[in-house]
C-alpha atoms as a PDB file:
ATOM      1  CA  MET A   1     -24.032 -60.079 -13.625  1.00  0.00           C
ATOM      2  CA  HIS A   2     -21.292 -57.732 -14.990  1.00  0.00           C
ATOM      3  CA  VAL A   3     -21.691 -54.291 -13.510  1.00  0.00           C
ATOM      4  CA  LEU A   4     -20.132 -50.927 -14.115  1.00  0.00           C
ATOM      5  CA  GLU A   5     -20.164 -48.469 -11.119  1.00  0.00           C
ATOM      6  CA  ALA A   6     -19.284 -44.907 -10.483  1.00  0.00           C
ATOM      7  CA  GLY A   7     -19.529 -42.966  -7.247  1.00  0.00           C
ATOM      8  CA  GLU A   8     -19.584 -44.157  -3.618  1.00  0.00           C
ATOM      9  CA  PRO A   9     -21.814 -46.963  -2.645  1.00  0.00           C
ATOM     10  CA  ALA A  10     -23.106 -45.060   0.410  1.00  0.00           C
ATOM     11  CA  ARG A  11     -24.687 -42.549  -1.759  1.00  0.00           C
ATOM     12  CA  PRO A  12     -28.163 -42.634  -3.223  1.00  0.00           C
ATOM     13  CA  CYS A  13     -28.217 -45.197  -6.144  1.00  0.00           C
ATOM     14  CA  VAL A  14     -29.259 -44.698  -9.661  1.00  0.00           C
ATOM     15  CA  LEU A  15     -29.799 -48.021 -11.569  1.00  0.00           C
ATOM     16  CA  LEU A  16     -29.180 -47.587 -15.321  1.00  0.00           C
ATOM     17  CA  LEU A  17     -30.648 -50.362 -17.697  1.00  0.00           C
ATOM     18  CA  HIS A  18     -29.578 -50.494 -21.346  1.00  0.00           C
ATOM     19  CA  GLY A  19     -31.237 -51.532 -24.446  1.00  0.00           C
ATOM     20  CA  PHE A  20     -30.618 -53.496 -27.720  1.00  0.00           C
ATOM     21  CA  PRO A  21     -27.995 -53.962 -29.130  1.00  0.00           C
ATOM     22  CA  GLU A  22     -26.092 -52.240 -26.314  1.00  0.00           C
ATOM     23  CA  LEU A  23     -24.281 -52.818 -23.092  1.00  0.00           C
ATOM     24  CA  ALA A  24     -23.807 -51.225 -19.621  1.00  0.00           C
ATOM     25  CA  TYR A  25     -20.999 -49.357 -21.496  1.00  0.00           C
ATOM     26  CA  SER A  26     -23.702 -47.235 -23.213  1.00  0.00           C
ATOM     27  CA  TRP A  27     -24.031 -45.266 -19.910  1.00  0.00           C
ATOM     28  CA  ARG A  28     -20.271 -44.453 -19.756  1.00  0.00           C
ATOM     29  CA  LYS A  29     -20.780 -40.756 -20.613  1.00  0.00           C
ATOM     30  CA  VAL A  30     -23.595 -40.194 -18.045  1.00  0.00           C
ATOM     31  CA  MET A  31     -22.220 -42.048 -15.022  1.00  0.00           C
ATOM     32  CA  PRO A  32     -19.347 -39.721 -14.140  1.00  0.00           C
ATOM     33  CA  GLY A  33     -21.742 -36.726 -13.850  1.00  0.00           C
ATOM     34  CA  LEU A  34     -24.053 -38.671 -11.680  1.00  0.00           C
ATOM     35  CA  ALA A  35     -21.175 -39.747  -9.422  1.00  0.00           C
ATOM     36  CA  GLN A  36     -19.792 -36.091  -9.270  1.00  0.00           C
ATOM     37  CA  ALA A  37     -23.191 -34.937  -8.157  1.00  0.00           C
ATOM     38  CA  GLY A  38     -23.359 -37.277  -5.204  1.00  0.00           C
ATOM     39  CA  TYR A  39     -25.049 -40.511  -6.611  1.00  0.00           C
ATOM     40  CA  TYR A  40     -24.029 -44.092  -6.717  1.00  0.00           C
ATOM     41  CA  ALA A  41     -24.384 -44.971 -10.493  1.00  0.00           C
ATOM     42  CA  VAL A  42     -24.835 -48.624 -11.302  1.00  0.00           C
ATOM     43  CA  ALA A  43     -25.071 -50.086 -14.832  1.00  0.00           C
ATOM     44  CA  PRO A  44     -25.423 -53.851 -15.439  1.00  0.00           C
ATOM     45  CA  ASP A  45     -24.994 -55.790 -18.550  1.00  0.00           C
ATOM     46  CA  GLN A  46     -28.326 -57.352 -18.549  1.00  0.00           C
ATOM     47  CA  ARG A  47     -29.471 -60.931 -19.045  1.00  0.00           C
ATOM     48  CA  GLY A  48     -28.217 -62.265 -22.469  1.00  0.00           C
ATOM     49  CA  TYR A  49     -25.579 -59.340 -22.957  1.00  0.00           C
ATOM     50  CA  GLY A  50     -21.978 -58.698 -22.525  1.00  0.00           C
ATOM     51  CA  LEU A  51     -20.018 -60.173 -19.745  1.00  0.00           C
ATOM     52  CA  THR A  52     -23.013 -61.279 -17.780  1.00  0.00           C
ATOM     53  CA  THR A  53     -23.077 -64.960 -17.640  1.00  0.00           C
ATOM     54  CA  GLY A  54     -25.401 -67.780 -16.538  1.00  0.00           C
ATOM     55  CA  TRP A  55     -28.147 -67.159 -19.064  1.00  0.00           C
ATOM     56  CA  ASP A  56     -29.488 -69.728 -21.561  1.00  0.00           C
ATOM     57  CA  ASP A  57     -31.782 -69.922 -24.607  1.00  0.00           C
ATOM     58  CA  ASP A  58     -34.930 -70.668 -22.733  1.00  0.00           C
ATOM     59  CA  VAL A  59     -37.207 -67.872 -23.938  1.00  0.00           C
ATOM     60  CA  ALA A  60     -39.421 -68.124 -20.877  1.00  0.00           C
ATOM     61  CA  ARG A  61     -36.530 -66.799 -18.778  1.00  0.00           C
ATOM     62  CA  TYR A  62     -36.522 -63.434 -20.765  1.00  0.00           C
ATOM     63  CA  GLY A  63     -40.025 -62.324 -19.691  1.00  0.00           C
ATOM     64  CA  MET A  64     -40.460 -59.112 -17.995  1.00  0.00           C
ATOM     65  CA  VAL A  65     -40.976 -60.636 -14.607  1.00  0.00           C
ATOM     66  CA  ASN A  66     -37.620 -62.230 -14.853  1.00  0.00           C
ATOM     67  CA  LEU A  67     -36.021 -59.179 -16.121  1.00  0.00           C
ATOM     68  CA  VAL A  68     -37.376 -57.102 -13.344  1.00  0.00           C
ATOM     69  CA  GLN A  69     -36.167 -59.771 -10.824  1.00  0.00           C
ATOM     70  CA  ASP A  70     -32.679 -59.531 -12.244  1.00  0.00           C
ATOM     71  CA  ALA A  71     -32.692 -55.893 -11.330  1.00  0.00           C
ATOM     72  CA  VAL A  72     -34.031 -56.478  -7.829  1.00  0.00           C
ATOM     73  CA  SER A  73     -31.667 -59.454  -7.186  1.00  0.00           C
ATOM     74  CA  LEU A  74     -28.742 -57.150  -8.161  1.00  0.00           C
ATOM     75  CA  LEU A  75     -29.911 -54.411  -5.631  1.00  0.00           C
ATOM     76  CA  ASP A  76     -30.223 -57.201  -3.060  1.00  0.00           C
ATOM     77  CA  ARG A  77     -26.601 -58.374  -3.876  1.00  0.00           C
ATOM     78  CA  LEU A  78     -25.356 -54.813  -3.541  1.00  0.00           C
ATOM     79  CA  GLN A  79     -27.394 -54.336  -0.299  1.00  0.00           C
ATOM     80  CA  ILE A  80     -29.284 -51.538  -1.726  1.00  0.00           C
ATOM     81  CA  HIS A  81     -32.837 -51.227  -0.200  1.00  0.00           C
ATOM     82  CA  LYS A  82     -34.212 -48.626  -2.503  1.00  0.00           C
ATOM     83  CA  THR A  83     -32.916 -46.886  -5.716  1.00  0.00           C
ATOM     84  CA  HIS A  84     -33.776 -44.584  -8.602  1.00  0.00           C
ATOM     85  CA  ILE A  85     -34.254 -46.539 -11.947  1.00  0.00           C
ATOM     86  CA  VAL A  86     -33.443 -45.359 -15.515  1.00  0.00           C
ATOM     87  CA  GLY A  87     -34.238 -47.361 -18.619  1.00  0.00           C
ATOM     88  CA  HIS A  88     -33.463 -46.870 -22.268  1.00  0.00           C
ATOM     89  CA  ASP A  89     -34.881 -48.627 -25.261  1.00  0.00           C
ATOM     90  CA  PHE A  90     -35.775 -52.132 -24.030  1.00  0.00           C
ATOM     91  CA  GLY A  91     -34.465 -51.120 -20.689  1.00  0.00           C
ATOM     92  CA  SER A  92     -37.376 -48.656 -20.551  1.00  0.00           C
ATOM     93  CA  PRO A  93     -40.216 -51.271 -20.272  1.00  0.00           C
ATOM     94  CA  VAL A  94     -38.018 -53.169 -17.742  1.00  0.00           C
ATOM     95  CA  ALA A  95     -37.871 -49.994 -15.596  1.00  0.00           C
ATOM     96  CA  ALA A  96     -41.579 -49.503 -16.014  1.00  0.00           C
ATOM     97  CA  TYR A  97     -42.519 -52.969 -15.088  1.00  0.00           C
ATOM     98  CA  ALA A  98     -39.968 -52.676 -12.186  1.00  0.00           C
ATOM     99  CA  ALA A  99     -42.096 -49.696 -10.915  1.00  0.00           C
ATOM    100  CA  LEU A 100     -45.315 -51.579 -11.334  1.00  0.00           C
ATOM    101  CA  LEU A 101     -44.187 -54.879  -9.714  1.00  0.00           C
ATOM    102  CA  ARG A 102     -41.893 -53.700  -7.101  1.00  0.00           C
ATOM    103  CA  PRO A 103     -42.596 -50.136  -6.341  1.00  0.00           C
ATOM    104  CA  GLU A 104     -41.240 -50.365  -2.836  1.00  0.00           C
ATOM    105  CA  SER A 105     -37.783 -50.925  -4.259  1.00  0.00           C
ATOM    106  CA  PHE A 106     -37.686 -47.701  -6.252  1.00  0.00           C
ATOM    107  CA  HIS A 107     -37.784 -43.997  -5.538  1.00  0.00           C
ATOM    108  CA  SER A 108     -38.446 -42.908  -9.099  1.00  0.00           C
ATOM    109  CA  VAL A 109     -38.416 -44.118 -12.653  1.00  0.00           C
ATOM    110  CA  VAL A 110     -36.989 -42.477 -15.897  1.00  0.00           C
ATOM    111  CA  LEU A 111     -38.032 -44.009 -19.193  1.00  0.00           C
ATOM    112  CA  MET A 112     -36.057 -43.276 -22.219  1.00  0.00           C
ATOM    113  CA  SER A 113     -36.784 -43.567 -25.927  1.00  0.00           C
ATOM    114  CA  ALA A 114     -39.535 -46.206 -25.461  1.00  0.00           C
ATOM    115  CA  PRO A 115     -42.755 -44.816 -23.862  1.00  0.00           C
ATOM    116  CA  PHE A 116     -44.679 -47.030 -21.592  1.00  0.00           C
ATOM    117  CA  GLY A 117     -48.488 -47.128 -22.412  1.00  0.00           C
ATOM    118  CA  GLY A 118     -49.055 -50.401 -20.327  1.00  0.00           C
ATOM    119  CA  ALA A 119     -49.737 -52.654 -23.376  1.00  0.00           C
ATOM    120  CA  PRO A 120     -47.230 -55.402 -24.215  1.00  0.00           C
ATOM    121  CA  VAL A 121     -46.377 -55.402 -27.864  1.00  0.00           C
ATOM    122  CA  GLY A 122     -47.262 -59.134 -28.131  1.00  0.00           C
ATOM    123  CA  GLY A 123     -50.921 -58.272 -27.651  1.00  0.00           C
ATOM    124  CA  ARG A 124     -50.958 -55.775 -30.496  1.00  0.00           C
ATOM    125  CA  ALA A 125     -50.438 -57.973 -33.584  1.00  0.00           C
ATOM    126  CA  GLY A 126     -53.762 -58.628 -34.967  1.00  0.00           C
ATOM    127  CA  SER A 127     -53.667 -58.828 -38.696  1.00  0.00           C
ATOM    128  CA  ILE A 128     -50.637 -56.346 -38.901  1.00  0.00           C
ATOM    129  CA  HIS A 129     -48.125 -58.942 -40.346  1.00  0.00           C
ATOM    130  CA  GLU A 130     -50.523 -59.880 -43.238  1.00  0.00           C
ATOM    131  CA  ASP A 131     -51.243 -56.066 -43.888  1.00  0.00           C
ATOM    132  CA  LEU A 132     -47.659 -55.189 -43.715  1.00  0.00           C
ATOM    133  CA  ALA A 133     -46.541 -57.977 -45.914  1.00  0.00           C
ATOM    134  CA  ARG A 134     -49.068 -56.710 -48.693  1.00  0.00           C
ATOM    135  CA  LEU A 135     -47.043 -53.637 -48.466  1.00  0.00           C
ATOM    136  CA  GLY A 136     -43.874 -55.454 -48.926  1.00  0.00           C
ATOM    137  CA  ARG A 137     -42.886 -54.595 -45.236  1.00  0.00           C
ATOM    138  CA  LYS A 138     -42.530 -56.374 -41.933  1.00  0.00           C
ATOM    139  CA  HIS A 139     -42.147 -55.332 -38.336  1.00  0.00           C
ATOM    140  CA  TYR A 140     -38.520 -55.426 -36.857  1.00  0.00           C
ATOM    141  CA  GLN A 141     -39.699 -56.745 -33.429  1.00  0.00           C
ATOM    142  CA  TRP A 142     -41.232 -59.960 -34.978  1.00  0.00           C
ATOM    143  CA  TYR A 143     -38.163 -60.268 -37.303  1.00  0.00           C
ATOM    144  CA  TYR A 144     -35.980 -60.050 -34.228  1.00  0.00           C
ATOM    145  CA  SER A 145     -38.165 -62.890 -32.860  1.00  0.00           C
ATOM    146  CA  THR A 146     -37.063 -65.329 -35.508  1.00  0.00           C
ATOM    147  CA  ARG A 147     -34.088 -67.556 -35.404  1.00  0.00           C
ATOM    148  CA  GLU A 148     -32.598 -66.141 -38.561  1.00  0.00           C
ATOM    149  CA  ALA A 149     -32.053 -62.745 -37.084  1.00  0.00           C
ATOM    150  CA  ASP A 150     -28.980 -63.678 -34.985  1.00  0.00           C
ATOM    151  CA  GLU A 151     -27.088 -65.331 -37.895  1.00  0.00           C
ATOM    152  CA  ASN A 152     -28.089 -62.515 -40.208  1.00  0.00           C
ATOM    153  CA  MET A 153     -26.208 -60.029 -37.996  1.00  0.00           C
ATOM    154  CA  ARG A 154     -23.633 -62.110 -36.441  1.00  0.00           C
ATOM    155  CA  ARG A 155     -22.347 -63.554 -39.692  1.00  0.00           C
ATOM    156  CA  CYS A 156     -23.010 -60.633 -41.954  1.00  0.00           C
ATOM    157  CA  PRO A 157     -20.548 -60.109 -44.812  1.00  0.00           C
ATOM    158  CA  GLN A 158     -19.569 -56.610 -43.655  1.00  0.00           C
ATOM    159  CA  GLY A 159     -18.649 -57.925 -40.309  1.00  0.00           C
ATOM    160  CA  VAL A 160     -20.106 -56.836 -36.855  1.00  0.00           C
ATOM    161  CA  HIS A 161     -18.160 -53.635 -36.451  1.00  0.00           C
ATOM    162  CA  ALA A 162     -19.369 -52.349 -39.733  1.00  0.00           C
ATOM    163  CA  PHE A 163     -22.948 -53.668 -39.170  1.00  0.00           C
ATOM    164  CA  LEU A 164     -23.121 -51.757 -35.823  1.00  0.00           C
ATOM    165  CA  ARG A 165     -21.617 -48.484 -37.164  1.00  0.00           C
ATOM    166  CA  ALA A 166     -24.299 -48.480 -39.874  1.00  0.00           C
ATOM    167  CA  TYR A 167     -27.042 -49.623 -37.504  1.00  0.00           C
ATOM    168  CA  TYR A 168     -26.137 -46.933 -34.895  1.00  0.00           C
ATOM    169  CA  HIS A 169     -25.752 -44.194 -37.420  1.00  0.00           C
ATOM    170  CA  TYR A 170     -29.134 -45.116 -39.192  1.00  0.00           C
ATOM    171  CA  LYS A 171     -31.070 -44.608 -35.917  1.00  0.00           C
ATOM    172  CA  SER A 172     -29.195 -41.531 -34.753  1.00  0.00           C
ATOM    173  CA  ALA A 173     -29.677 -37.769 -35.378  1.00  0.00           C
ATOM    174  CA  ASP A 174     -26.818 -38.016 -37.876  1.00  0.00           C
ATOM    175  CA  TRP A 175     -29.081 -39.703 -40.476  1.00  0.00           C
ATOM    176  CA  PRO A 176     -31.068 -36.750 -41.967  1.00  0.00           C
ATOM    177  CA  GLY A 177     -34.128 -39.030 -42.593  1.00  0.00           C
ATOM    178  CA  ASN A 178     -34.947 -39.180 -38.980  1.00  0.00           C
ATOM    179  CA  ARG A 179     -37.752 -36.657 -38.598  1.00  0.00           C
ATOM    180  CA  PRO A 180     -40.272 -38.428 -36.481  1.00  0.00           C
ATOM    181  CA  PHE A 181     -43.983 -37.474 -36.219  1.00  0.00           C
ATOM    182  CA  PRO A 182     -46.993 -38.941 -34.481  1.00  0.00           C
ATOM    183  CA  LEU A 183     -48.701 -41.868 -36.298  1.00  0.00           C
ATOM    184  CA  ALA A 184     -52.644 -42.054 -36.410  1.00  0.00           C
ATOM    185  CA  GLY A 185     -52.803 -45.648 -35.323  1.00  0.00           C
ATOM    186  CA  TRP A 186     -51.623 -49.285 -35.241  1.00  0.00           C
ATOM    187  CA  THR A 187     -52.181 -49.870 -38.995  1.00  0.00           C
ATOM    188  CA  ALA A 188     -49.892 -51.112 -41.796  1.00  0.00           C
ATOM    189  CA  ALA A 189     -50.334 -47.862 -43.702  1.00  0.00           C
ATOM    190  CA  GLU A 190     -49.208 -45.827 -40.743  1.00  0.00           C
ATOM    191  CA  LEU A 191     -46.451 -47.993 -39.464  1.00  0.00           C
ATOM    192  CA  ALA A 192     -44.992 -48.129 -43.049  1.00  0.00           C
ATOM    193  CA  LYS A 193     -44.295 -44.435 -42.783  1.00  0.00           C
ATOM    194  CA  MET A 194     -41.437 -45.310 -40.346  1.00  0.00           C
ATOM    195  CA  PRO A 195     -37.861 -45.886 -41.528  1.00  0.00           C
ATOM    196  CA  THR A 196     -36.893 -49.587 -42.630  1.00  0.00           C
ATOM    197  CA  TYR A 197     -34.879 -50.050 -39.434  1.00  0.00           C
ATOM    198  CA  TYR A 198     -38.409 -50.394 -37.745  1.00  0.00           C
ATOM    199  CA  ILE A 199     -40.654 -51.505 -40.491  1.00  0.00           C
ATOM    200  CA  MET A 200     -38.207 -53.554 -42.714  1.00  0.00           C
ATOM    201  CA  GLU A 201     -38.458 -54.436 -46.349  1.00  0.00           C
ATOM    202  CA  LEU A 202     -40.054 -57.876 -46.434  1.00  0.00           C
ATOM    203  CA  GLY A 203     -37.138 -59.719 -48.180  1.00  0.00           C
ATOM    204  CA  LYS A 204     -34.411 -58.339 -46.268  1.00  0.00           C
ATOM    205  CA  GLY A 205     -32.608 -59.003 -42.900  1.00  0.00           C
ATOM    206  CA  MET A 206     -31.282 -56.189 -40.651  1.00  0.00           C
ATOM    207  CA  ALA A 207     -27.794 -56.517 -41.917  1.00  0.00           C
ATOM    208  CA  GLU A 208     -29.075 -55.798 -45.508  1.00  0.00           C
ATOM    209  CA  THR A 209     -31.351 -53.164 -44.225  1.00  0.00           C
ATOM    210  CA  VAL A 210     -28.585 -50.872 -42.657  1.00  0.00           C
ATOM    211  CA  ALA A 211     -25.666 -51.526 -44.938  1.00  0.00           C
ATOM    212  CA  PRO A 212     -26.600 -48.763 -47.463  1.00  0.00           C
ATOM    213  CA  HIS A 213     -26.490 -46.375 -44.572  1.00  0.00           C
ATOM    214  CA  MET A 214     -22.930 -46.982 -43.546  1.00  0.00           C
ATOM    215  CA  PRO A 215     -21.453 -43.446 -42.844  1.00  0.00           C
ATOM    216  CA  ALA A 216     -18.093 -42.265 -44.327  1.00  0.00           C
ATOM    217  CA  GLN A 217     -16.602 -41.796 -41.059  1.00  0.00           C
ATOM    218  CA  ALA A 218     -17.027 -42.429 -37.378  1.00  0.00           C
ATOM    219  CA  ALA A 219     -19.527 -40.362 -35.411  1.00  0.00           C
ATOM    220  CA  ALA A 220     -18.212 -37.774 -33.034  1.00  0.00           C
ATOM    221  CA  TRP A 221     -20.317 -39.421 -30.378  1.00  0.00           C
ATOM    222  CA  LEU A 222     -19.161 -42.931 -30.917  1.00  0.00           C
ATOM    223  CA  THR A 223     -15.450 -43.322 -31.940  1.00  0.00           C
ATOM    224  CA  ASP A 224     -14.034 -46.505 -33.580  1.00  0.00           C
ATOM    225  CA  GLU A 225     -12.440 -47.306 -30.297  1.00  0.00           C
ATOM    226  CA  GLU A 226     -15.827 -47.095 -28.412  1.00  0.00           C
ATOM    227  CA  LEU A 227     -17.720 -48.944 -31.101  1.00  0.00           C
ATOM    228  CA  ALA A 228     -15.004 -51.706 -30.848  1.00  0.00           C
ATOM    229  CA  VAL A 229     -16.165 -52.428 -27.359  1.00  0.00           C
ATOM    230  CA  TYR A 230     -19.582 -53.264 -28.641  1.00  0.00           C
ATOM    231  CA  ALA A 231     -18.298 -55.168 -31.636  1.00  0.00           C
ATOM    232  CA  ALA A 232     -16.026 -57.457 -29.578  1.00  0.00           C
ATOM    233  CA  ALA A 233     -18.935 -58.120 -27.182  1.00  0.00           C
ATOM    234  CA  PHE A 234     -21.328 -59.142 -29.957  1.00  0.00           C
ATOM    235  CA  GLU A 235     -18.749 -61.161 -31.844  1.00  0.00           C
ATOM    236  CA  ARG A 236     -17.997 -63.057 -28.759  1.00  0.00           C
ATOM    237  CA  THR A 237     -21.737 -63.730 -27.592  1.00  0.00           C
ATOM    238  CA  GLY A 238     -23.739 -63.218 -30.804  1.00  0.00           C
ATOM    239  CA  PHE A 239     -27.053 -61.238 -30.615  1.00  0.00           C
ATOM    240  CA  GLN A 240     -29.323 -64.104 -29.562  1.00  0.00           C
ATOM    241  CA  GLY A 241     -29.340 -63.239 -25.913  1.00  0.00           C
ATOM    242  CA  GLY A 242     -30.635 -59.803 -26.568  1.00  0.00           C
ATOM    243  CA  LEU A 243     -33.032 -61.159 -29.358  1.00  0.00           C
ATOM    244  CA  ASN A 244     -34.610 -63.491 -26.694  1.00  0.00           C
ATOM    245  CA  TRP A 245     -36.244 -60.451 -25.039  1.00  0.00           C
ATOM    246  CA  TYR A 246     -38.060 -59.852 -28.381  1.00  0.00           C
ATOM    247  CA  ARG A 247     -38.979 -63.510 -28.515  1.00  0.00           C
ATOM    248  CA  ALA A 248     -40.562 -63.307 -25.156  1.00  0.00           C
ATOM    249  CA  ALA A 249     -42.078 -59.804 -25.795  1.00  0.00           C
ATOM    250  CA  THR A 250     -43.883 -60.708 -28.937  1.00  0.00           C
ATOM    251  CA  ASN A 251     -45.263 -64.014 -27.553  1.00  0.00           C
ATOM    252  CA  PRO A 252     -48.724 -63.478 -26.249  1.00  0.00           C
ATOM    253  CA  GLY A 253     -48.051 -66.694 -24.209  1.00  0.00           C
ATOM    254  CA  PHE A 254     -45.970 -64.693 -21.844  1.00  0.00           C
ATOM    255  CA  PRO A 255     -48.321 -62.023 -20.430  1.00  0.00           C
ATOM    256  CA  VAL A 256     -47.007 -59.797 -17.728  1.00  0.00           C
ATOM    257  CA  LYS A 257     -49.619 -59.766 -14.806  1.00  0.00           C
ATOM    258  CA  THR A 258     -49.477 -56.943 -12.425  1.00  0.00           C
ATOM    259  CA  GLY A 259     -51.617 -55.910  -9.451  1.00  0.00           C
ATOM    260  CA  ARG A 260     -51.192 -52.315 -10.488  1.00  0.00           C
ATOM    261  CA  LYS A 261     -52.141 -50.392 -13.593  1.00  0.00           C
ATOM    262  CA  THR A 262     -50.471 -47.205 -12.787  1.00  0.00           C
ATOM    263  CA  ILE A 263     -46.857 -46.036 -11.975  1.00  0.00           C
ATOM    264  CA  ASP A 264     -47.272 -43.986  -8.937  1.00  0.00           C
ATOM    265  CA  ILE A 265     -43.759 -42.932  -8.011  1.00  0.00           C
ATOM    266  CA  PRO A 266     -42.223 -39.954  -9.665  1.00  0.00           C
ATOM    267  CA  SER A 267     -41.479 -40.368 -13.279  1.00  0.00           C
ATOM    268  CA  MET A 268     -40.041 -38.757 -16.361  1.00  0.00           C
ATOM    269  CA  TYR A 269     -39.409 -39.356 -20.075  1.00  0.00           C
ATOM    270  CA  ILE A 270     -36.467 -38.457 -22.223  1.00  0.00           C
ATOM    271  CA  ALA A 271     -35.871 -39.073 -25.908  1.00  0.00           C
ATOM    272  CA  GLY A 272     -33.844 -37.662 -28.787  1.00  0.00           C
ATOM    273  CA  ALA A 273     -35.921 -35.287 -30.872  1.00  0.00           C
ATOM    274  CA  SER A 274     -34.838 -37.281 -33.934  1.00  0.00           C
ATOM    275  CA  ASP A 275     -35.892 -40.713 -32.357  1.00  0.00           C
ATOM    276  CA  TRP A 276     -38.675 -42.570 -34.123  1.00  0.00           C
ATOM    277  CA  GLY A 277     -38.938 -44.621 -30.903  1.00  0.00           C
ATOM    278  CA  ILE A 278     -41.217 -41.836 -29.448  1.00  0.00           C
ATOM    279  CA  TYR A 279     -43.935 -42.809 -31.916  1.00  0.00           C
ATOM    280  CA  GLN A 280     -43.396 -46.472 -33.027  1.00  0.00           C
ATOM    281  CA  LYS A 281     -46.251 -47.638 -30.849  1.00  0.00           C
ATOM    282  CA  PRO A 282     -49.028 -45.148 -31.699  1.00  0.00           C
ATOM    283  CA  GLY A 283     -50.637 -43.651 -28.596  1.00  0.00           C
ATOM    284  CA  GLU A 284     -48.153 -44.941 -26.041  1.00  0.00           C
ATOM    285  CA  LEU A 285     -46.714 -41.594 -25.413  1.00  0.00           C
ATOM    286  CA  GLU A 286     -50.074 -40.094 -24.609  1.00  0.00           C
ATOM    287  CA  ARG A 287     -51.141 -42.847 -22.499  1.00  0.00           C
ATOM    288  CA  MET A 288     -47.957 -42.892 -20.482  1.00  0.00           C
ATOM    289  CA  GLN A 289     -48.515 -39.168 -19.454  1.00  0.00           C
ATOM    290  CA  LYS A 290     -52.218 -39.302 -19.041  1.00  0.00           C
ATOM    291  CA  GLU A 291     -53.064 -42.722 -17.891  1.00  0.00           C
ATOM    292  CA  VAL A 292     -50.143 -44.764 -16.606  1.00  0.00           C
ATOM    293  CA  CYS A 293     -47.782 -42.328 -14.632  1.00  0.00           C
ATOM    294  CA  THR A 294     -49.762 -40.580 -11.997  1.00  0.00           C
ATOM    295  CA  ASP A 295     -46.757 -38.517 -10.847  1.00  0.00           C
ATOM    296  CA  PHE A 296     -45.363 -37.687 -14.223  1.00  0.00           C
ATOM    297  CA  ARG A 297     -42.695 -34.706 -13.939  1.00  0.00           C
ATOM    298  CA  GLY A 298     -41.888 -34.029 -17.629  1.00  0.00           C
ATOM    299  CA  CYS A 299     -41.493 -35.145 -21.205  1.00  0.00           C
ATOM    300  CA  HIS A 300     -38.250 -34.002 -22.735  1.00  0.00           C
ATOM    301  CA  PHE A 301     -37.076 -34.308 -26.408  1.00  0.00           C
ATOM    302  CA  VAL A 302     -33.530 -33.566 -26.741  1.00  0.00           C
ATOM    303  CA  GLU A 303     -32.437 -31.703 -29.918  1.00  0.00           C
ATOM    304  CA  GLY A 304     -29.423 -33.104 -31.784  1.00  0.00           C
ATOM    305  CA  ALA A 305     -30.045 -36.660 -30.563  1.00  0.00           C
ATOM    306  CA  GLY A 306     -31.777 -39.664 -32.171  1.00  0.00           C
ATOM    307  CA  HIS A 307     -32.234 -43.116 -30.653  1.00  0.00           C
ATOM    308  CA  TRP A 308     -28.930 -43.214 -28.710  1.00  0.00           C
ATOM    309  CA  VAL A 309     -29.838 -40.106 -26.580  1.00  0.00           C
ATOM    310  CA  GLN A 310     -27.494 -40.720 -23.532  1.00  0.00           C
ATOM    311  CA  GLN A 311     -24.527 -41.136 -26.069  1.00  0.00           C
ATOM    312  CA  GLU A 312     -25.410 -38.512 -28.505  1.00  0.00           C
ATOM    313  CA  ARG A 313     -26.046 -35.860 -26.009  1.00  0.00           C
ATOM    314  CA  PRO A 314     -24.826 -37.087 -22.758  1.00  0.00           C
ATOM    315  CA  GLU A 315     -24.433 -33.664 -21.013  1.00  0.00           C
ATOM    316  CA  ARG A 316     -28.107 -32.750 -21.592  1.00  0.00           C
ATOM    317  CA  VAL A 317     -29.270 -36.090 -20.415  1.00  0.00           C
ATOM    318  CA  ALA A 318     -27.149 -35.947 -17.343  1.00  0.00           C
ATOM    319  CA  ALA A 319     -28.677 -32.405 -16.564  1.00  0.00           C
ATOM    320  CA  LEU A 320     -32.099 -33.666 -17.022  1.00  0.00           C
ATOM    321  CA  LEU A 321     -31.541 -36.673 -14.895  1.00  0.00           C
ATOM    322  CA  LEU A 322     -29.941 -34.643 -12.082  1.00  0.00           C
ATOM    323  CA  GLU A 323     -32.746 -31.998 -12.205  1.00  0.00           C
ATOM    324  CA  PHE A 324     -35.332 -34.742 -11.722  1.00  0.00           C
ATOM    325  CA  LEU A 325     -33.536 -36.657  -9.130  1.00  0.00           C
ATOM    326  CA  ALA A 326     -32.958 -33.618  -6.894  1.00  0.00           C
ATOM    327  CA  ALA A 327     -36.691 -33.062  -6.900  1.00  0.00           C
ATOM    328  CA  ALA A 328     -37.729 -36.631  -6.434  1.00  0.00           C
ATOM    329  CA  PRO A 329     -37.847 -38.421  -3.057  1.00  0.00           C
ATOM    330  CA  ARG A 330     -34.298 -39.633  -2.177  1.00  0.00           C
ATOM    331  CA  ARG A 331     -32.619 -41.152   0.968  1.00  0.00           C
ATOM    332  CA  THR A 332     -29.186 -40.112   2.125  1.00  0.00           C
ATOM    333  CA  ALA A 333     -28.586 -42.964   4.595  1.00  0.00           C
ATOM    334  CA  THR A 334     -26.054 -45.629   3.762  1.00  0.00           C
ATOM    335  CA  GLY A 335     -27.509 -48.360   1.501  1.00  0.00           C
ATOM    336  CA  SER A 336     -30.213 -46.198   0.066  1.00  0.00           C
END
């Protein structure tokens, strides 16, 4: 497992889990502040991503239990008994399930972008695909679960660098169409109100979906040099490793069985105010706060940020994390 680190290993640990299509590198702007404040920040390339090796194409290996075990095994390898855990995007449900499955290993949990309401997306389908198809649309998570998705993005005519530039732009606060609002329910009519990066046009792949939204210039929060790190990684590995997470999550044959229904360690939620991820699963945000997280410390929508909140507004995210961590239980002994 490839890992980025900042700070002294003897200090309290903060484990940072990225989402799709990202890398440990996505935490680069937050880690120095955590280290400066006295924490040991650890960010791995998760299973299927970046420079982490040893993964294959067996979808069963990408279920939540395995992804949680990856995180716990990393802590064991680093001789860290207990840590704070932070997850963004698809890293958010991994962090949430880690708190459910292995609460003894975590002081606190921070969920970013993706709220956790306790219901796996694979159990939500119903007739939604047929209903969306009648509207000329389809759900991106089930598209990502198809074999064509990797080829569509990896071999796209614009190239991986341009694809990622448009993709990151389209989901950021830089795209003026990102003005999210709560949806009334899990129905095709409501889901179709979301942008096409979530509820895609029926006949298009993701490469064609984002291409019209290619910005005229690089974003201030993601330079071409920084973007090149992502492009090189996905040109080398393709996207299938990350897409396998979706294949497992949308498959009702891979349920996550937990003995607990609530997250009882201190918890917090952060998202960009322009992030549709807040509302993409209607009702999740409310269930997270009222039913799932019993020691919920705050819900923060960061202005000027979209989906990539820790990259778009890293100073604000770091400040929120440090305020939360200071109030949450923490050990100061070596290996904590």
